[in-house]
Amino acid sequence: MDQVTLQDKKPTGVYGTPPAELAETPEGAIQFSPLIPGSGKLEEQSENSLQGMIVLAPPGTVERRTVIALALRALGPRGSLTVLAPKDKGGSRIAKELKAFGCDVSEASRRHHRICTTVRPSELIGADEAIAEGSPRLDATLGLWTWPGAFSWNRIDPGSALLERTLPPLSGRGADFGCGIGILARTILASPKVERLVMIDIDRRAVEMAARNLDDPRSQVRWADLRGATDLKGLDFVVMNPPFHDGGAEDQSLGQAFIRKAAEALRPGGVLWLVANRHLPYEAVLKSAFKRVNPKAEAAGYKIFEAQK
């Protein structure tokens, strides 16, 4: 009885925001998603510390297997695990992946999702290898520390590459909105006239890698959702390659929100440098928030704007 009582007192974890109608998250569950600022770190959760875990699985194979392995490791003996995802975003692979870790799996389908339930097996198979595969590593090609699951973690995004080639040397105080692992920030800080650079991203993994990649006293990293309030004012420049997907679906309002936040943060005469996919309709919001908007480059499906407040 005492063992059951102790097990019941252990917390439950949740990764992401599973739809309540598919997997109800218990009240008080600890959030572990790196995309929700303030969440706990699942990779630091000790073994046998959770009684249950609900995971809205990410679509990337390496990231998904790592998250499942971390969740299983954190559970106590026979701790319950529910993993779900849309069928076309990795859901159809979850059962096979759980079985490979040594789990007995029950599977259901609802609302275009696959929902798998299991308990932690007495012996986990291959969990350490999956965790290692999804852990931070130094990428020799990029010359940067990176983390599977972060945006453009194993390559330079073509839009960022175009912006890198187009950016002039910047000066003064500025910010990199959606900094990723620090690819653009590395170029920005190459200018000795840059006095301070605030790097902001909603992904903790990206922020931690950016901090590791840019050991520069002029840089500061923040794990935050830019759609919320910021204290940035009077900046000389903002650089951004804004996201346009939220939960896998295209959301053009994300980039538009980034543009408005940049306008709020810049001083009069301050400059925004923006790269975006060619089809995204940012011109109207740019012209409404800035005095002057200049197209600067277009290539490989991307466009770059310089906008002056």
Protein backbone atom coordinates (compact mmCIF):
# COMPACT_ATOMS: atom_id res chain seq x y z
CA MET A 1 0.00 0.00 0.00
CA ASP A 2 2.84 2.39 0.90
CA GLN A 3 4.45 1.81 -2.49
CA VAL A 4 1.21 2.62 -4.27
CA THR A 5 0.80 5.78 -2.20
CA LEU A 6 4.30 6.95 -3.08
CA GLN A 7 3.70 6.21 -6.75
CA ASP A 8 0.45 8.17 -6.66
CA LYS A 9 2.28 11.19 -5.26
CA LYS A 10 4.62 11.36 -8.22
CA PRO A 11 3.69 14.04 -10.75
CA THR A 12 2.42 13.53 -14.26
CA GLY A 13 4.12 15.08 -17.26
CA VAL A 14 2.84 16.42 -20.57
CA TYR A 15 4.76 17.25 -23.71
CA GLY A 16 3.11 19.81 -25.97
CA THR A 17 -0.61 20.55 -26.02
CA PRO A 18 -2.52 17.34 -26.78
CA PRO A 19 -6.16 17.95 -27.83
CA ALA A 20 -8.24 17.49 -24.67
CA GLU A 21 -10.83 15.40 -26.49
CA LEU A 22 -8.13 12.89 -27.48
CA ALA A 23 -5.99 12.74 -24.35
CA GLU A 24 -6.99 14.63 -21.25
CA THR A 25 -4.06 16.16 -19.39
CA PRO A 26 -4.33 15.76 -15.60
CA GLU A 27 -4.49 18.94 -13.55
CA GLY A 28 -1.07 19.96 -12.31
CA ALA A 29 0.86 18.04 -14.98
CA ILE A 30 4.37 19.35 -15.59
CA GLN A 31 4.82 20.79 -19.08
CA PHE A 32 8.03 19.73 -20.83
CA SER A 33 7.75 21.14 -24.36
CA PRO A 34 10.78 23.20 -25.47
CA LEU A 35 8.34 25.29 -27.53
CA ILE A 36 6.43 26.55 -24.48
CA PRO A 37 8.61 29.07 -22.61
CA GLY A 38 8.98 28.28 -18.94
CA SER A 39 8.54 24.53 -19.38
CA GLY A 40 10.65 21.93 -17.62
CA LYS A 41 13.51 20.08 -19.26
CA LEU A 42 12.52 16.51 -20.04
CA GLU A 43 16.14 15.57 -20.73
CA GLU A 44 16.97 16.50 -17.10
CA GLN A 45 14.03 14.61 -15.56
CA SER A 46 15.38 11.80 -13.40
CA GLU A 47 14.46 8.17 -13.91
CA ASN A 48 11.44 6.91 -11.97
CA SER A 49 10.26 10.46 -11.21
CA LEU A 50 6.87 10.53 -13.01
CA GLN A 51 3.82 8.34 -12.63
CA GLY A 52 2.48 9.11 -16.08
CA MET A 53 3.25 11.03 -19.24
CA ILE A 54 1.18 12.30 -22.18
CA VAL A 55 3.10 13.21 -25.34
CA LEU A 56 1.87 15.06 -28.39
CA ALA A 57 4.65 13.65 -30.53
CA PRO A 58 6.65 15.96 -32.80
CA PRO A 59 6.71 15.10 -36.51
CA GLY A 60 10.48 14.73 -36.95
CA THR A 61 11.61 11.09 -36.63
CA VAL A 62 14.75 11.72 -34.58
CA GLU A 63 13.03 14.24 -32.32
CA ARG A 64 9.97 12.02 -31.83
CA ARG A 65 11.97 8.92 -30.90
CA THR A 66 14.11 10.96 -28.50
CA VAL A 67 11.07 12.47 -26.76
CA ILE A 68 9.43 9.04 -26.39
CA ALA A 69 12.64 7.56 -25.00
CA LEU A 70 13.03 10.43 -22.52
CA ALA A 71 9.42 10.02 -21.42
CA LEU A 72 9.83 6.28 -20.87
CA ARG A 73 13.06 6.85 -18.93
CA ALA A 74 11.36 9.37 -16.61
CA LEU A 75 8.50 7.01 -15.74
CA GLY A 76 8.43 4.77 -12.73
CA PRO A 77 7.91 1.00 -13.10
CA ARG A 78 4.67 0.38 -14.99
CA GLY A 79 4.19 4.13 -15.33
CA SER A 80 1.61 5.01 -17.97
CA LEU A 81 2.47 6.64 -21.29
CA THR A 82 0.12 8.01 -23.93
CA VAL A 83 1.62 9.16 -27.23
CA LEU A 84 -0.45 10.67 -30.02
CA ALA A 85 0.07 12.56 -33.26
CA PRO A 86 -1.76 13.24 -36.53
CA LYS A 87 -1.52 10.24 -38.82
CA ASP A 88 0.28 12.21 -41.52
CA LYS A 89 2.74 13.78 -39.05
CA GLY A 90 4.33 10.71 -37.53
CA GLY A 91 1.24 9.21 -35.88
CA SER A 92 1.29 6.12 -38.05
CA ARG A 93 4.83 5.29 -36.83
CA ILE A 94 4.32 5.65 -33.08
CA ALA A 95 3.21 2.08 -32.34
CA LYS A 96 6.18 0.58 -34.16
CA GLU A 97 8.58 2.92 -32.37
CA LEU A 98 7.12 2.09 -28.95
CA LYS A 99 7.35 -1.63 -29.65
CA ALA A 100 11.00 -1.18 -30.60
CA PHE A 101 11.60 0.23 -27.10
CA GLY A 102 10.10 -2.97 -25.65
CA CYS A 103 6.57 -1.71 -24.97
CA ASP A 104 3.26 -3.55 -25.31
CA VAL A 105 1.02 -1.10 -27.17
CA SER A 106 -2.70 -0.45 -27.48
CA GLU A 107 -3.56 1.75 -30.47
CA ALA A 108 -6.67 3.72 -31.43
CA SER A 109 -7.57 6.17 -34.21
CA ARG A 110 -9.66 9.29 -33.70
CA ARG A 111 -9.98 12.58 -35.53
CA HIS A 112 -7.10 11.81 -37.91
CA HIS A 113 -4.79 11.00 -34.97
CA ARG A 114 -3.17 7.78 -33.83
CA ILE A 115 -3.29 7.39 -30.06
CA CYS A 116 -1.00 4.82 -28.46
CA THR A 117 -1.07 3.80 -24.79
CA THR A 118 1.47 1.69 -22.97
CA VAL A 119 3.34 1.33 -19.69
CA ARG A 120 7.04 1.48 -19.08
CA PRO A 121 8.46 -2.00 -19.68
CA SER A 122 10.72 -3.64 -17.15
CA GLU A 123 13.56 -3.36 -19.65
CA LEU A 124 13.91 -0.43 -22.05
CA ILE A 125 15.51 -1.40 -25.36
CA GLY A 126 17.52 1.18 -27.31
CA ALA A 127 16.41 4.18 -25.27
CA ASP A 128 19.93 5.42 -24.57
CA GLU A 129 20.79 5.29 -28.26
CA ALA A 130 17.64 7.22 -29.22
CA ILE A 131 18.37 9.87 -26.58
CA ALA A 132 21.95 10.24 -27.78
CA GLU A 133 20.81 10.61 -31.39
CA GLY A 134 18.52 13.50 -30.44
CA SER A 135 20.94 15.30 -28.14
CA PRO A 136 23.00 18.44 -28.87
CA ARG A 137 26.03 17.96 -31.08
CA LEU A 138 28.68 20.01 -32.82
CA ASP A 139 27.96 20.02 -36.55
CA ALA A 140 31.25 20.02 -38.44
CA THR A 141 29.68 21.39 -41.64
CA LEU A 142 27.91 24.28 -39.94
CA GLY A 143 30.70 24.85 -37.45
CA LEU A 144 27.99 25.31 -34.83
CA TRP A 145 26.40 23.48 -31.94
CA THR A 146 22.96 22.27 -32.89
CA TRP A 147 20.06 20.22 -31.54
CA PRO A 148 17.72 17.97 -33.57
CA GLY A 149 14.24 19.47 -33.60
CA ALA A 150 15.33 23.11 -33.64
CA PHE A 151 14.59 25.01 -36.85
CA SER A 152 17.11 24.26 -39.60
CA TRP A 153 19.21 22.28 -37.12
CA ASN A 154 21.32 20.42 -39.69
CA ARG A 155 21.54 22.90 -42.57
CA ILE A 156 21.51 26.61 -43.30
CA ASP A 157 17.98 27.59 -44.30
CA PRO A 158 18.04 29.04 -47.87
CA GLY A 159 16.24 32.18 -46.73
CA SER A 160 18.75 32.79 -43.96
CA ALA A 161 21.60 32.15 -46.40
CA LEU A 162 20.21 34.78 -48.78
CA LEU A 163 19.80 37.27 -45.93
CA GLU A 164 23.37 36.56 -44.77
CA ARG A 165 24.67 37.46 -48.22
CA THR A 166 22.52 40.60 -48.42
CA LEU A 167 22.98 42.12 -44.97
CA PRO A 168 25.26 45.16 -44.80
CA PRO A 169 27.48 45.65 -41.73
CA LEU A 170 25.13 46.76 -38.97
CA SER A 171 25.80 49.06 -36.04
CA GLY A 172 24.35 50.02 -32.68
CA ARG A 173 21.86 48.02 -30.63
CA GLY A 174 19.70 45.42 -32.30
CA ALA A 175 17.79 42.16 -32.10
CA ASP A 176 17.50 38.88 -33.98
CA PHE A 177 13.84 37.78 -33.87
CA GLY A 178 13.55 33.99 -34.18
CA CYS A 179 17.31 33.56 -33.83
CA GLY A 180 17.46 29.78 -34.22
CA ILE A 181 20.86 28.36 -33.35
CA GLY A 182 22.56 31.69 -34.16
CA ILE A 183 23.36 31.51 -37.86
CA LEU A 184 22.29 35.09 -38.65
CA ALA A 185 23.57 36.38 -35.30
CA ARG A 186 27.04 35.13 -36.18
CA THR A 187 26.99 37.34 -39.27
CA ILE A 188 25.55 40.33 -37.41
CA LEU A 189 28.17 40.17 -34.66
CA ALA A 190 30.97 40.08 -37.23
CA SER A 191 30.49 43.86 -37.43
CA PRO A 192 32.53 45.55 -34.68
CA LYS A 193 30.07 48.45 -34.70
CA VAL A 194 27.31 46.29 -33.23
CA GLU A 195 27.07 47.24 -29.56
CA ARG A 196 24.43 44.78 -28.38
CA LEU A 197 22.37 41.98 -29.90
CA VAL A 198 19.32 40.44 -28.22
CA MET A 199 18.52 37.01 -29.66
CA ILE A 200 15.00 35.70 -29.09
CA ASP A 201 13.44 32.37 -29.99
CA ILE A 202 10.43 30.35 -28.82
CA ASP A 203 12.47 27.12 -28.96
CA ARG A 204 14.59 26.48 -25.86
CA ARG A 205 16.84 24.13 -27.80
CA ALA A 206 17.66 26.87 -30.30
CA VAL A 207 18.28 29.43 -27.55
CA GLU A 208 20.63 27.10 -25.66
CA MET A 209 22.60 26.35 -28.83
CA ALA A 210 22.73 30.03 -29.81
CA ALA A 211 24.16 30.87 -26.38
CA ARG A 212 26.79 28.18 -26.84
CA ASN A 213 27.62 29.24 -30.40
CA LEU A 214 27.96 32.97 -29.67
CA ASP A 215 30.20 33.44 -26.68
CA ASP A 216 30.20 37.19 -27.21
CA PRO A 217 29.70 39.74 -24.42
CA ARG A 218 27.56 41.83 -26.77
CA SER A 219 24.98 39.06 -27.18
CA GLN A 220 22.06 38.10 -24.96
CA VAL A 221 19.67 35.20 -25.55
CA ARG A 222 16.05 34.98 -24.44
CA TRP A 223 13.64 32.07 -24.52
CA ALA A 224 10.34 33.81 -25.24
CA ASP A 225 7.30 33.98 -27.48
CA LEU A 226 7.64 37.21 -29.44
CA ARG A 227 3.89 37.52 -29.74
CA GLY A 228 3.84 38.47 -26.07
CA ALA A 229 5.13 41.62 -24.44
CA THR A 230 8.81 42.57 -24.73
CA ASP A 231 10.83 45.36 -23.16
CA LEU A 232 12.71 46.14 -26.36
CA LYS A 233 12.65 49.83 -27.27
CA GLY A 234 14.85 52.24 -29.19
CA LEU A 235 16.73 49.61 -31.21
CA ASP A 236 18.81 50.59 -34.22
CA PHE A 237 18.08 47.40 -36.16
CA VAL A 238 16.07 44.18 -36.15
CA VAL A 239 16.89 41.15 -38.31
CA MET A 240 14.44 38.31 -38.84
CA ASN A 241 13.55 35.19 -40.77
CA PRO A 242 10.11 34.81 -39.19
CA PRO A 243 8.26 31.49 -38.90
CA PHE A 244 5.07 30.94 -40.85
CA HIS A 245 3.95 27.60 -39.45
CA ASP A 246 2.23 26.95 -36.15
CA GLY A 247 1.72 23.31 -35.20
CA GLY A 248 2.48 22.29 -38.77
CA ALA A 249 -0.16 24.51 -40.42
CA GLU A 250 0.73 27.66 -42.32
CA ASP A 251 -0.03 30.76 -40.28
CA GLN A 252 0.80 34.01 -42.04
CA SER A 253 -0.15 36.01 -38.95
CA LEU A 254 3.06 34.85 -37.24
CA GLY A 255 5.32 36.81 -39.58
CA GLN A 256 2.95 39.77 -39.49
CA ALA A 257 3.14 39.78 -35.68
CA PHE A 258 6.95 39.69 -35.87
CA ILE A 259 6.90 42.72 -38.17
CA ARG A 260 4.69 44.71 -35.81
CA LYS A 261 6.90 43.78 -32.85
CA ALA A 262 9.94 44.97 -34.79
CA ALA A 263 8.25 48.31 -35.49
CA GLU A 264 7.50 48.69 -31.77
CA ALA A 265 11.10 47.90 -30.81
CA LEU A 266 12.86 50.18 -33.31
CA ARG A 267 13.69 53.84 -32.82
CA PRO A 268 12.59 56.36 -35.46
CA GLY A 269 14.95 55.78 -38.38
CA GLY A 270 15.75 52.25 -37.20
CA VAL A 271 15.90 49.50 -39.81
CA LEU A 272 14.28 46.09 -40.18
CA TRP A 273 15.87 43.45 -42.40
CA LEU A 274 13.41 40.68 -43.26
CA VAL A 275 13.58 37.55 -45.38
CA ALA A 276 10.42 35.65 -46.29
CA ASN A 277 9.10 33.10 -48.73
CA ARG A 278 8.05 34.81 -51.93
CA HIS A 279 4.36 33.90 -51.58
CA LEU A 280 3.89 35.41 -48.12
CA PRO A 281 1.90 38.69 -48.14
CA TYR A 282 3.98 40.88 -45.84
CA GLU A 283 4.13 44.02 -47.99
CA ALA A 284 0.89 45.53 -46.64
CA VAL A 285 1.84 45.19 -42.97
CA LEU A 286 5.36 46.46 -43.70
CA LYS A 287 4.01 49.57 -45.42
CA SER A 288 1.55 50.22 -42.60
CA ALA A 289 4.25 50.01 -39.90
CA PHE A 290 7.25 51.59 -41.63
CA LYS A 291 7.92 54.87 -43.46
CA ARG A 292 9.95 53.30 -46.23
CA VAL A 293 10.02 49.73 -47.54
CA ASN A 294 12.63 48.64 -50.09
CA PRO A 295 12.86 45.23 -51.77
CA LYS A 296 16.55 44.35 -51.69
CA ALA A 297 16.89 40.86 -53.17
CA GLU A 298 14.90 37.94 -54.54
CA ALA A 299 16.20 34.45 -55.27
CA ALA A 300 15.35 30.75 -54.85
CA GLY A 301 11.77 31.47 -53.77
CA TYR A 302 12.71 34.07 -51.14
CA LYS A 303 12.50 37.86 -50.94
CA ILE A 304 14.32 40.35 -48.74
CA PHE A 305 13.07 43.72 -47.55
CA GLU A 306 14.77 46.61 -45.83
CA ALA A 307 12.19 48.71 -43.96
CA GLN A 308 12.92 51.97 -42.17
CA LYS A 309 10.75 53.20 -39.34
